[in-house]
Amino acid sequence: MDYIVPISEARGMLPESIKKILHIGKRLIITRNGRAEAVMISPEELETLEIKADNKLLQSIVRAEEDIKAGRLYSHKDVFKNV
């Protein structure tokens, strides 16, 4: 669940807002004159959004998960034995 606050309130409640974002998983939408100006999200949510935006990376993750399910795995030793 997102929560929306005007910028004037956001200034005074920054520490509490960060706790909500990190521990409860909420997004903070900061408004100015009733319009959204900025959004604060957790680092984990940002990482997820970045991965979803990178189609090449997302496809690579899907292939890796398929390899794991199919048992196509190599040990660290196997990968670097000829290096």
PDB file of N, CA and C in Angstrom:
ATOM      1  N   MET A   1       0.845  -1.181   0.000  1.00  0.00           N
ATOM      2  CA  MET A   1       0.000   0.000   0.000  1.00  0.00           C
ATOM      3  C   MET A   1       0.888   1.241   0.000  1.00  0.00           C
ATOM      4  N   ASP A   2       0.645   2.114  -0.912  1.00  0.00           N
ATOM      5  CA  ASP A   2       1.388   3.368  -0.979  1.00  0.00           C
ATOM      6  C   ASP A   2       0.809   4.361   0.014  1.00  0.00           C
ATOM      7  N   TYR A   3       1.608   5.309   0.399  1.00  0.00           N
ATOM      8  CA  TYR A   3       1.043   6.422   1.141  1.00  0.00           C
ATOM      9  C   TYR A   3       1.553   7.717   0.547  1.00  0.00           C
ATOM     10  N   ILE A   4       0.703   8.720   0.609  1.00  0.00           N
ATOM     11  CA  ILE A   4       0.934   9.988  -0.075  1.00  0.00           C
ATOM     12  C   ILE A   4       1.007  11.093   0.958  1.00  0.00           C
ATOM     13  N   VAL A   5       2.062  11.909   0.850  1.00  0.00           N
ATOM     14  CA  VAL A   5       2.197  13.047   1.757  1.00  0.00           C
ATOM     15  C   VAL A   5       2.691  14.253   0.974  1.00  0.00           C
ATOM     16  N   PRO A   6       2.275  15.444   1.396  1.00  0.00           N
ATOM     17  CA  PRO A   6       2.832  16.636   0.768  1.00  0.00           C
ATOM     18  C   PRO A   6       4.293  16.816   1.178  1.00  0.00           C
ATOM     19  N   ILE A   7       5.031  17.515   0.357  1.00  0.00           N
ATOM     20  CA  ILE A   7       6.463  17.695   0.609  1.00  0.00           C
ATOM     21  C   ILE A   7       6.718  18.349   1.964  1.00  0.00           C
ATOM     22  N   SER A   8       5.839  19.231   2.378  1.00  0.00           N
ATOM     23  CA  SER A   8       6.033  19.910   3.669  1.00  0.00           C
ATOM     24  C   SER A   8       5.979  18.914   4.833  1.00  0.00           C
ATOM     25  N   GLU A   9       5.142  17.897   4.735  1.00  0.00           N
ATOM     26  CA  GLU A   9       5.090  16.863   5.777  1.00  0.00           C
ATOM     27  C   GLU A   9       6.237  15.882   5.646  1.00  0.00           C
ATOM     28  N   ALA A  10       6.625  15.570   4.413  1.00  0.00           N
ATOM     29  CA  ALA A  10       7.693  14.584   4.170  1.00  0.00           C
ATOM     30  C   ALA A  10       8.999  15.017   4.813  1.00  0.00           C
ATOM     31  N   ARG A  11       9.270  16.323   4.803  1.00  0.00           N
ATOM     32  CA  ARG A  11      10.507  16.826   5.404  1.00  0.00           C
ATOM     33  C   ARG A  11      10.606  16.451   6.878  1.00  0.00           C
ATOM     34  N   GLY A  12       9.502  16.598   7.586  1.00  0.00           N
ATOM     35  CA  GLY A  12       9.514  16.369   9.025  1.00  0.00           C
ATOM     36  C   GLY A  12       9.411  14.923   9.435  1.00  0.00           C
ATOM     37  N   MET A  13       9.042  14.059   8.513  1.00  0.00           N
ATOM     38  CA  MET A  13       8.848  12.653   8.883  1.00  0.00           C
ATOM     39  C   MET A  13       9.751  11.706   8.098  1.00  0.00           C
ATOM     40  N   LEU A  14      10.886  12.194   7.650  1.00  0.00           N
ATOM     41  CA  LEU A  14      11.788  11.383   6.848  1.00  0.00           C
ATOM     42  C   LEU A  14      12.245  10.106   7.556  1.00  0.00           C
ATOM     43  N   PRO A  15      12.707  10.160   8.809  1.00  0.00           N
ATOM     44  CA  PRO A  15      13.140   8.909   9.453  1.00  0.00           C
ATOM     45  C   PRO A  15      12.012   7.871   9.554  1.00  0.00           C
ATOM     46  N   GLU A  16      10.802   8.318   9.906  1.00  0.00           N
ATOM     47  CA  GLU A  16       9.680   7.382  10.000  1.00  0.00           C
ATOM     48  C   GLU A  16       9.315   6.829   8.622  1.00  0.00           C
ATOM     49  N   SER A  17       9.392   7.682   7.622  1.00  0.00           N
ATOM     50  CA  SER A  17       9.061   7.254   6.260  1.00  0.00           C
ATOM     51  C   SER A  17      10.033   6.190   5.780  1.00  0.00           C
ATOM     52  N   ILE A  18      11.307   6.374   6.066  1.00  0.00           N
ATOM     53  CA  ILE A  18      12.310   5.390   5.652  1.00  0.00           C
ATOM     54  C   ILE A  18      12.033   4.050   6.324  1.00  0.00           C
ATOM     55  N   LYS A  19      11.667   4.065   7.607  1.00  0.00           N
ATOM     56  CA  LYS A  19      11.331   2.817   8.299  1.00  0.00           C
ATOM     57  C   LYS A  19      10.160   2.122   7.619  1.00  0.00           C
ATOM     58  N   LYS A  20       9.122   2.880   7.272  1.00  0.00           N
ATOM     59  CA  LYS A  20       7.955   2.284   6.608  1.00  0.00           C
ATOM     60  C   LYS A  20       8.351   1.680   5.264  1.00  0.00           C
ATOM     61  N   ILE A  21       9.172   2.399   4.536  1.00  0.00           N
ATOM     62  CA  ILE A  21       9.592   1.927   3.217  1.00  0.00           C
ATOM     63  C   ILE A  21      10.416   0.645   3.344  1.00  0.00           C
ATOM     64  N   LEU A  22      11.348   0.614   4.280  1.00  0.00           N
ATOM     65  CA  LEU A  22      12.246  -0.534   4.406  1.00  0.00           C
ATOM     66  C   LEU A  22      11.601  -1.732   5.077  1.00  0.00           C
ATOM     67  N   HIS A  23      10.826  -1.493   6.125  1.00  0.00           N
ATOM     68  CA  HIS A  23      10.328  -2.611   6.931  1.00  0.00           C
ATOM     69  C   HIS A  23       8.913  -3.050   6.590  1.00  0.00           C
ATOM     70  N   ILE A  24       8.122  -2.164   6.075  1.00  0.00           N
ATOM     71  CA  ILE A  24       6.733  -2.515   5.772  1.00  0.00           C
ATOM     72  C   ILE A  24       6.534  -2.693   4.276  1.00  0.00           C
ATOM     73  N   GLY A  25       7.441  -2.142   3.501  1.00  0.00           N
ATOM     74  CA  GLY A  25       7.355  -2.303   2.057  1.00  0.00           C
ATOM     75  C   GLY A  25       6.435  -1.302   1.372  1.00  0.00           C
ATOM     76  N   LYS A  26       6.179  -0.202   2.014  1.00  0.00           N
ATOM     77  CA  LYS A  26       5.319   0.807   1.402  1.00  0.00           C
ATOM     78  C   LYS A  26       6.140   1.724   0.504  1.00  0.00           C
ATOM     79  N   ARG A  27       5.454   2.361  -0.410  1.00  0.00           N
ATOM     80  CA  ARG A  27       6.055   3.416  -1.229  1.00  0.00           C
ATOM     81  C   ARG A  27       5.560   4.749  -0.701  1.00  0.00           C
ATOM     82  N   LEU A  28       6.427   5.732  -0.716  1.00  0.00           N
ATOM     83  CA  LEU A  28       6.056   7.076  -0.290  1.00  0.00           C
ATOM     84  C   LEU A  28       5.973   7.960  -1.524  1.00  0.00           C
ATOM     85  N   ILE A  29       4.797   8.469  -1.788  1.00  0.00           N
ATOM     86  CA  ILE A  29       4.595   9.388  -2.895  1.00  0.00           C
ATOM     87  C   ILE A  29       4.563  10.794  -2.309  1.00  0.00           C
ATOM     88  N   ILE A  30       5.495  11.629  -2.734  1.00  0.00           N
ATOM     89  CA  ILE A  30       5.602  12.995  -2.219  1.00  0.00           C
ATOM     90  C   ILE A  30       4.963  13.932  -3.238  1.00  0.00           C
ATOM     91  N   THR A  31       4.059  14.770  -2.741  1.00  0.00           N
ATOM     92  CA  THR A  31       3.340  15.678  -3.627  1.00  0.00           C
ATOM     93  C   THR A  31       3.713  17.128  -3.362  1.00  0.00           C
ATOM     94  N   ARG A  32       3.517  17.937  -4.377  1.00  0.00           N
ATOM     95  CA  ARG A  32       3.658  19.388  -4.269  1.00  0.00           C
ATOM     96  C   ARG A  32       2.453  19.978  -4.994  1.00  0.00           C
ATOM     97  N   ASN A  33       1.715  20.808  -4.288  1.00  0.00           N
ATOM     98  CA  ASN A  33       0.494  21.400  -4.849  1.00  0.00           C
ATOM     99  C   ASN A  33      -0.467  20.335  -5.380  1.00  0.00           C
ATOM    100  N   GLY A  34      -0.541  19.219  -4.654  1.00  0.00           N
ATOM    101  CA  GLY A  34      -1.476  18.157  -4.999  1.00  0.00           C
ATOM    102  C   GLY A  34      -1.051  17.243  -6.130  1.00  0.00           C
ATOM    103  N   ARG A  35       0.136  17.438  -6.673  1.00  0.00           N
ATOM    104  CA  ARG A  35       0.616  16.600  -7.774  1.00  0.00           C
ATOM    105  C   ARG A  35       1.845  15.817  -7.341  1.00  0.00           C
ATOM    106  N   ALA A  36       1.934  14.587  -7.789  1.00  0.00           N
ATOM    107  CA  ALA A  36       3.085  13.748  -7.447  1.00  0.00           C
ATOM    108  C   ALA A  36       4.367  14.367  -7.995  1.00  0.00           C
ATOM    109  N   GLU A  37       5.370  14.480  -7.133  1.00  0.00           N
ATOM    110  CA  GLU A  37       6.666  15.038  -7.515  1.00  0.00           C
ATOM    111  C   GLU A  37       7.779  13.994  -7.433  1.00  0.00           C
ATOM    112  N   ALA A  38       7.662  13.085  -6.479  1.00  0.00           N
ATOM    113  CA  ALA A  38       8.718  12.087  -6.289  1.00  0.00           C
ATOM    114  C   ALA A  38       8.125  10.864  -5.591  1.00  0.00           C
ATOM    115  N   VAL A  39       8.850   9.751  -5.713  1.00  0.00           N
ATOM    116  CA  VAL A  39       8.452   8.513  -5.052  1.00  0.00           C
ATOM    117  C   VAL A  39       9.686   7.932  -4.377  1.00  0.00           C
ATOM    118  N   MET A  40       9.532   7.528  -3.124  1.00  0.00           N
ATOM    119  CA  MET A  40      10.612   6.835  -2.412  1.00  0.00           C
ATOM    120  C   MET A  40      10.236   5.365  -2.330  1.00  0.00           C
ATOM    121  N   ILE A  41      11.200   4.503  -2.698  1.00  0.00           N
ATOM    122  CA  ILE A  41      11.003   3.059  -2.631  1.00  0.00           C
ATOM    123  C   ILE A  41      12.214   2.428  -1.979  1.00  0.00           C
ATOM    124  N   SER A  42      12.077   1.159  -1.594  1.00  0.00           N
ATOM    125  CA  SER A  42      13.197   0.447  -0.974  1.00  0.00           C
ATOM    126  C   SER A  42      14.234   0.092  -2.040  1.00  0.00           C
ATOM    127  N   PRO A  43      15.476  -0.128  -1.620  1.00  0.00           N
ATOM    128  CA  PRO A  43      16.511  -0.550  -2.576  1.00  0.00           C
ATOM    129  C   PRO A  43      16.149  -1.862  -3.275  1.00  0.00           C
ATOM    130  N   GLU A  44      15.493  -2.762  -2.559  1.00  0.00           N
ATOM    131  CA  GLU A  44      15.101  -4.039  -3.153  1.00  0.00           C
ATOM    132  C   GLU A  44      14.080  -3.836  -4.264  1.00  0.00           C
ATOM    133  N   GLU A  45      13.116  -2.943  -4.026  1.00  0.00           N
ATOM    134  CA  GLU A  45      12.108  -2.681  -5.052  1.00  0.00           C
ATOM    135  C   GLU A  45      12.744  -2.014  -6.267  1.00  0.00           C
ATOM    136  N   LEU A  46      13.691  -1.123  -6.043  1.00  0.00           N
ATOM    137  CA  LEU A  46      14.404  -0.483  -7.150  1.00  0.00           C
ATOM    138  C   LEU A  46      15.140  -1.531  -7.977  1.00  0.00           C
ATOM    139  N   GLU A  47      15.815  -2.458  -7.302  1.00  0.00           N
ATOM    140  CA  GLU A  47      16.544  -3.509  -8.006  1.00  0.00           C
ATOM    141  C   GLU A  47      15.586  -4.354  -8.851  1.00  0.00           C
ATOM    142  N   THR A  48      14.445  -4.693  -8.277  1.00  0.00           N
ATOM    143  CA  THR A  48      13.444  -5.479  -9.003  1.00  0.00           C
ATOM    144  C   THR A  48      12.971  -4.731 -10.240  1.00  0.00           C
ATOM    145  N   LEU A  49      12.684  -3.451 -10.097  1.00  0.00           N
ATOM    146  CA  LEU A  49      12.234  -2.643 -11.233  1.00  0.00           C
ATOM    147  C   LEU A  49      13.310  -2.555 -12.312  1.00  0.00           C
ATOM    148  N   GLU A  50      14.564  -2.417 -11.896  1.00  0.00           N
ATOM    149  CA  GLU A  50      15.657  -2.345 -12.868  1.00  0.00           C
ATOM    150  C   GLU A  50      15.811  -3.654 -13.626  1.00  0.00           C
ATOM    151  N   ILE A  51      15.671  -4.767 -12.928  1.00  0.00           N
ATOM    152  CA  ILE A  51      15.778  -6.079 -13.581  1.00  0.00           C
ATOM    153  C   ILE A  51      14.637  -6.257 -14.574  1.00  0.00           C
ATOM    154  N   LYS A  52      13.430  -5.914 -14.156  1.00  0.00           N
ATOM    155  CA  LYS A  52      12.271  -6.055 -15.047  1.00  0.00           C
ATOM    156  C   LYS A  52      12.387  -5.157 -16.270  1.00  0.00           C
ATOM    157  N   ALA A  53      13.060  -4.033 -16.129  1.00  0.00           N
ATOM    158  CA  ALA A  53      13.215  -3.106 -17.249  1.00  0.00           C
ATOM    159  C   ALA A  53      14.293  -3.564 -18.230  1.00  0.00           C
ATOM    160  N   ASP A  54      15.175  -4.450 -17.792  1.00  0.00           N
ATOM    161  CA  ASP A  54      16.272  -4.937 -18.635  1.00  0.00           C
ATOM    162  C   ASP A  54      15.883  -6.301 -19.192  1.00  0.00           C
ATOM    163  N   ASN A  55      15.300  -6.309 -20.388  1.00  0.00           N
ATOM    164  CA  ASN A  55      14.774  -7.542 -20.967  1.00  0.00           C
ATOM    165  C   ASN A  55      15.857  -8.597 -21.155  1.00  0.00           C
ATOM    166  N   LYS A  56      17.045  -8.177 -21.541  1.00  0.00           N
ATOM    167  CA  LYS A  56      18.151  -9.124 -21.746  1.00  0.00           C
ATOM    168  C   LYS A  56      18.518  -9.817 -20.427  1.00  0.00           C
ATOM    169  N   LEU A  57      18.601  -9.040 -19.356  1.00  0.00           N
ATOM    170  CA  LEU A  57      18.916  -9.607 -18.045  1.00  0.00           C
ATOM    171  C   LEU A  57      17.803 -10.530 -17.572  1.00  0.00           C
ATOM    172  N   LEU A  58      16.562 -10.126 -17.772  1.00  0.00           N
ATOM    173  CA  LEU A  58      15.417 -10.942 -17.355  1.00  0.00           C
ATOM    174  C   LEU A  58      15.419 -12.288 -18.082  1.00  0.00           C
ATOM    175  N   GLN A  59      15.704 -12.272 -19.374  1.00  0.00           N
ATOM    176  CA  GLN A  59      15.779 -13.524 -20.132  1.00  0.00           C
ATOM    177  C   GLN A  59      16.921 -14.400 -19.634  1.00  0.00           C
ATOM    178  N   SER A  60      18.020 -13.785 -19.268  1.00  0.00           N
ATOM    179  CA  SER A  60      19.160 -14.527 -18.740  1.00  0.00           C
ATOM    180  C   SER A  60      18.800 -15.213 -17.420  1.00  0.00           C
ATOM    181  N   ILE A  61      18.074 -14.519 -16.585  1.00  0.00           N
ATOM    182  CA  ILE A  61      17.637 -15.102 -15.299  1.00  0.00           C
ATOM    183  C   ILE A  61      16.698 -16.266 -15.540  1.00  0.00           C
ATOM    184  N   VAL A  62      15.773 -16.110 -16.486  1.00  0.00           N
ATOM    185  CA  VAL A  62      14.836 -17.197 -16.797  1.00  0.00           C
ATOM    186  C   VAL A  62      15.601 -18.421 -17.296  1.00  0.00           C
ATOM    187  N   ARG A  63      16.584 -18.205 -18.193  1.00  0.00           N
ATOM    188  CA  ARG A  63      17.391 -19.337 -18.686  1.00  0.00           C
ATOM    189  C   ARG A  63      18.167 -20.001 -17.555  1.00  0.00           C
ATOM    190  N   ALA A  64      18.706 -19.203 -16.658  1.00  0.00           N
ATOM    191  CA  ALA A  64      19.452 -19.758 -15.526  1.00  0.00           C
ATOM    192  C   ALA A  64      18.548 -20.602 -14.636  1.00  0.00           C
ATOM    193  N   GLU A  65      17.343 -20.124 -14.400  1.00  0.00           N
ATOM    194  CA  GLU A  65      16.399 -20.907 -13.584  1.00  0.00           C
ATOM    195  C   GLU A  65      16.032 -22.215 -14.271  1.00  0.00           C
ATOM    196  N   GLU A  66      15.888 -22.186 -15.602  1.00  0.00           N
ATOM    197  CA  GLU A  66      15.605 -23.412 -16.351  1.00  0.00           C
ATOM    198  C   GLU A  66      16.780 -24.381 -16.254  1.00  0.00           C
ATOM    199  N   ASP A  67      18.009 -23.859 -16.330  1.00  0.00           N
ATOM    200  CA  ASP A  67      19.202 -24.701 -16.192  1.00  0.00           C
ATOM    201  C   ASP A  67      19.241 -25.358 -14.814  1.00  0.00           C
ATOM    202  N   ILE A  68      18.911 -24.618 -13.798  1.00  0.00           N
ATOM    203  CA  ILE A  68      18.906 -25.172 -12.433  1.00  0.00           C
ATOM    204  C   ILE A  68      17.890 -26.293 -12.328  1.00  0.00           C
ATOM    205  N   LYS A  69      16.679 -26.071 -12.843  1.00  0.00           N
ATOM    206  CA  LYS A  69      15.627 -27.098 -12.783  1.00  0.00           C
ATOM    207  C   LYS A  69      16.025 -28.349 -13.560  1.00  0.00           C
ATOM    208  N   ALA A  70      16.749 -28.161 -14.676  1.00  0.00           N
ATOM    209  CA  ALA A  70      17.159 -29.284 -15.515  1.00  0.00           C
ATOM    210  C   ALA A  70      18.436 -29.948 -15.016  1.00  0.00           C
ATOM    211  N   GLY A  71      19.031 -29.413 -13.964  1.00  0.00           N
ATOM    212  CA  GLY A  71      20.244 -30.005 -13.407  1.00  0.00           C
ATOM    213  C   GLY A  71      21.514 -29.653 -14.157  1.00  0.00           C
ATOM    214  N   ARG A  72      21.457 -28.661 -15.008  1.00  0.00           N
ATOM    215  CA  ARG A  72      22.646 -28.239 -15.756  1.00  0.00           C
ATOM    216  C   ARG A  72      23.441 -27.266 -14.889  1.00  0.00           C
ATOM    217  N   LEU A  73      24.198 -27.848 -13.967  1.00  0.00           N
ATOM    218  CA  LEU A  73      24.964 -27.056 -13.008  1.00  0.00           C
ATOM    219  C   LEU A  73      26.433 -27.445 -13.069  1.00  0.00           C
ATOM    220  N   TYR A  74      27.290 -26.491 -12.741  1.00  0.00           N
ATOM    221  CA  TYR A  74      28.723 -26.735 -12.707  1.00  0.00           C
ATOM    222  C   TYR A  74      29.282 -26.175 -11.406  1.00  0.00           C
ATOM    223  N   SER A  75      30.236 -26.879 -10.857  1.00  0.00           N
ATOM    224  CA  SER A  75      30.865 -26.394  -9.629  1.00  0.00           C
ATOM    225  C   SER A  75      31.836 -25.271  -9.964  1.00  0.00           C
ATOM    226  N   HIS A  76      32.216 -24.544  -8.960  1.00  0.00           N
ATOM    227  CA  HIS A  76      33.200 -23.472  -9.118  1.00  0.00           C
ATOM    228  C   HIS A  76      34.500 -24.041  -9.666  1.00  0.00           C
ATOM    229  N   LYS A  77      34.881 -25.211  -9.159  1.00  0.00           N
ATOM    230  CA  LYS A  77      36.108 -25.872  -9.619  1.00  0.00           C
ATOM    231  C   LYS A  77      36.029 -26.208 -11.105  1.00  0.00           C
ATOM    232  N   ASP A  78      34.889 -26.741 -11.528  1.00  0.00           N
ATOM    233  CA  ASP A  78      34.718 -27.117 -12.945  1.00  0.00           C
ATOM    234  C   ASP A  78      34.836 -25.895 -13.851  1.00  0.00           C
ATOM    235  N   VAL A  79      34.255 -24.816 -13.451  1.00  0.00           N
ATOM    236  CA  VAL A  79      34.244 -23.619 -14.279  1.00  0.00           C
ATOM    237  C   VAL A  79      35.648 -23.055 -14.452  1.00  0.00           C
ATOM    238  N   PHE A  80      36.450 -23.095 -13.382  1.00  0.00           N
ATOM    239  CA  PHE A  80      37.761 -22.442 -13.413  1.00  0.00           C
ATOM    240  C   PHE A  80      38.943 -23.404 -13.499  1.00  0.00           C
ATOM    241  N   LYS A  81      38.706 -24.672 -13.814  1.00  0.00           N
ATOM    242  CA  LYS A  81      39.815 -25.646 -13.814  1.00  0.00           C
ATOM    243  C   LYS A  81      40.830 -25.386 -14.920  1.00  0.00           C
ATOM    244  N   ASN A  82      40.430 -24.761 -16.006  1.00  0.00           N
ATOM    245  CA  ASN A  82      41.356 -24.511 -17.127  1.00  0.00           C
ATOM    246  C   ASN A  82      41.854 -23.070 -17.166  1.00  0.00           C
ATOM    247  N   VAL A  83      41.627 -22.351 -16.119  1.00  0.00           N
ATOM    248  CA  VAL A  83      42.038 -20.928 -16.112  1.00  0.00           C
ATOM    249  C   VAL A  83      43.412 -20.785 -15.505  1.00  0.00           C
TER     250      VAL A  83
END
